[in-house]
Amino acid sequence: MTLLKLAAAMKALEDPKLTKTDIMRLRTLIQTSTIYQKRFAEYVGYRRIERKLVKTDELLEQIRKSSEEKK
């Protein structure tokens, strides 16, 4: 959805009849869309790391239990 808004705003900037206010509004949309995409990518990366940490914790707990059973 954000990419569609970004593309539409960039396309709209090609219109030579735009007022300065329109241009400022579209540029703001483009900037916020770009920031949103970056933040979303960071979020996805953090979620991936979090999943790996949870799996690692579960594995360590299994290993701990297994070693206690062997004693």
C-alpha atoms as a PDB file:
ATOM      1  CA  MET A   1       0.000   0.000   0.000  1.00  0.00           C
ATOM      2  CA  THR A   2       2.782   2.411   0.915  1.00  0.00           C
ATOM      3  CA  LEU A   3       4.640   1.663  -2.305  1.00  0.00           C
ATOM      4  CA  LEU A   4       1.505   2.478  -4.282  1.00  0.00           C
ATOM      5  CA  LYS A   5       1.164   5.816  -2.494  1.00  0.00           C
ATOM      6  CA  LEU A   6       4.833   6.533  -3.099  1.00  0.00           C
ATOM      7  CA  ALA A   7       4.531   5.743  -6.801  1.00  0.00           C
ATOM      8  CA  ALA A   8       1.359   7.834  -7.110  1.00  0.00           C
ATOM      9  CA  ALA A   9       2.992  10.809  -5.396  1.00  0.00           C
ATOM     10  CA  MET A  10       6.045  10.579  -7.629  1.00  0.00           C
ATOM     11  CA  LYS A  11       3.846  10.366 -10.709  1.00  0.00           C
ATOM     12  CA  ALA A  12       1.775  13.335  -9.533  1.00  0.00           C
ATOM     13  CA  LEU A  13       4.933  15.454  -9.286  1.00  0.00           C
ATOM     14  CA  GLU A  14       5.250  15.238 -13.070  1.00  0.00           C
ATOM     15  CA  ASP A  15       2.200  17.487 -13.478  1.00  0.00           C
ATOM     16  CA  PRO A  16       3.452  20.968 -14.444  1.00  0.00           C
ATOM     17  CA  LYS A  17       0.241  22.596 -13.131  1.00  0.00           C
ATOM     18  CA  LEU A  18       0.957  21.792  -9.494  1.00  0.00           C
ATOM     19  CA  THR A  19       0.968  24.595  -6.958  1.00  0.00           C
ATOM     20  CA  LYS A  20       3.812  25.014  -4.493  1.00  0.00           C
ATOM     21  CA  THR A  21       1.499  23.707  -1.776  1.00  0.00           C
ATOM     22  CA  ASP A  22       0.744  20.585  -3.817  1.00  0.00           C
ATOM     23  CA  ILE A  23       4.447  20.007  -4.404  1.00  0.00           C
ATOM     24  CA  MET A  24       5.238  20.375  -0.693  1.00  0.00           C
ATOM     25  CA  ARG A  25       2.440  17.957   0.207  1.00  0.00           C
ATOM     26  CA  LEU A  26       3.614  15.371  -2.319  1.00  0.00           C
ATOM     27  CA  ARG A  27       7.231  15.685  -1.221  1.00  0.00           C
ATOM     28  CA  THR A  28       6.141  15.154   2.372  1.00  0.00           C
ATOM     29  CA  LEU A  29       4.253  12.040   1.314  1.00  0.00           C
ATOM     30  CA  ILE A  30       7.327  10.735  -0.488  1.00  0.00           C
ATOM     31  CA  GLN A  31       9.584  11.410   2.501  1.00  0.00           C
ATOM     32  CA  THR A  32       7.230   9.773   4.992  1.00  0.00           C
ATOM     33  CA  SER A  33       6.708   6.771   2.714  1.00  0.00           C
ATOM     34  CA  THR A  34      10.451   6.305   2.430  1.00  0.00           C
ATOM     35  CA  ILE A  35      10.901   6.523   6.207  1.00  0.00           C
ATOM     36  CA  TYR A  36       8.022   4.098   6.752  1.00  0.00           C
ATOM     37  CA  GLN A  37       9.563   1.542   4.394  1.00  0.00           C
ATOM     38  CA  LYS A  38      12.902   1.771   6.185  1.00  0.00           C
ATOM     39  CA  ARG A  39      11.310   1.404   9.627  1.00  0.00           C
ATOM     40  CA  PHE A  40       9.164  -1.505   8.458  1.00  0.00           C
ATOM     41  CA  ALA A  41      12.233  -3.311   7.106  1.00  0.00           C
ATOM     42  CA  GLU A  42      13.966  -2.777  10.459  1.00  0.00           C
ATOM     43  CA  TYR A  43      10.923  -4.130  12.267  1.00  0.00           C
ATOM     44  CA  VAL A  44      10.875  -7.260  10.101  1.00  0.00           C
ATOM     45  CA  GLY A  45      14.562  -7.769  10.816  1.00  0.00           C
ATOM     46  CA  TYR A  46      14.013  -7.407  14.560  1.00  0.00           C
ATOM     47  CA  ARG A  47      11.143  -9.887  14.453  1.00  0.00           C
ATOM     48  CA  ARG A  48      13.391 -12.392  12.660  1.00  0.00           C
ATOM     49  CA  ILE A  49      16.078 -11.970  15.330  1.00  0.00           C
ATOM     50  CA  GLU A  50      13.478 -12.336  18.064  1.00  0.00           C
ATOM     51  CA  ARG A  51      12.208 -15.615  16.579  1.00  0.00           C
ATOM     52  CA  LYS A  52      15.767 -16.956  16.443  1.00  0.00           C
ATOM     53  CA  LEU A  53      16.331 -16.001  20.083  1.00  0.00           C
ATOM     54  CA  VAL A  54      13.143 -17.741  21.158  1.00  0.00           C
ATOM     55  CA  LYS A  55      14.177 -20.899  19.281  1.00  0.00           C
ATOM     56  CA  THR A  56      17.643 -20.719  20.829  1.00  0.00           C
ATOM     57  CA  ASP A  57      16.151 -20.355  24.317  1.00  0.00           C
ATOM     58  CA  GLU A  58      13.906 -23.359  23.706  1.00  0.00           C
ATOM     59  CA  LEU A  59      16.842 -25.421  22.448  1.00  0.00           C
ATOM     60  CA  LEU A  60      18.989 -24.455  25.425  1.00  0.00           C
ATOM     61  CA  GLU A  61      16.175 -25.420  27.783  1.00  0.00           C
ATOM     62  CA  GLN A  62      15.880 -28.822  26.073  1.00  0.00           C
ATOM     63  CA  ILE A  63      19.632 -29.354  26.367  1.00  0.00           C
ATOM     64  CA  ARG A  64      19.555 -28.366  30.038  1.00  0.00           C
ATOM     65  CA  LYS A  65      16.714 -30.784  30.776  1.00  0.00           C
ATOM     66  CA  SER A  66      18.441 -33.549  28.843  1.00  0.00           C
ATOM     67  CA  SER A  67      21.690 -33.079  30.736  1.00  0.00           C
ATOM     68  CA  GLU A  68      19.837 -33.106  34.077  1.00  0.00           C
ATOM     69  CA  GLU A  69      18.115 -36.378  33.141  1.00  0.00           C
ATOM     70  CA  LYS A  70      21.471 -38.003  32.361  1.00  0.00           C
ATOM     71  CA  LYS A  71      22.838 -37.178  35.821  1.00  0.00           C
END
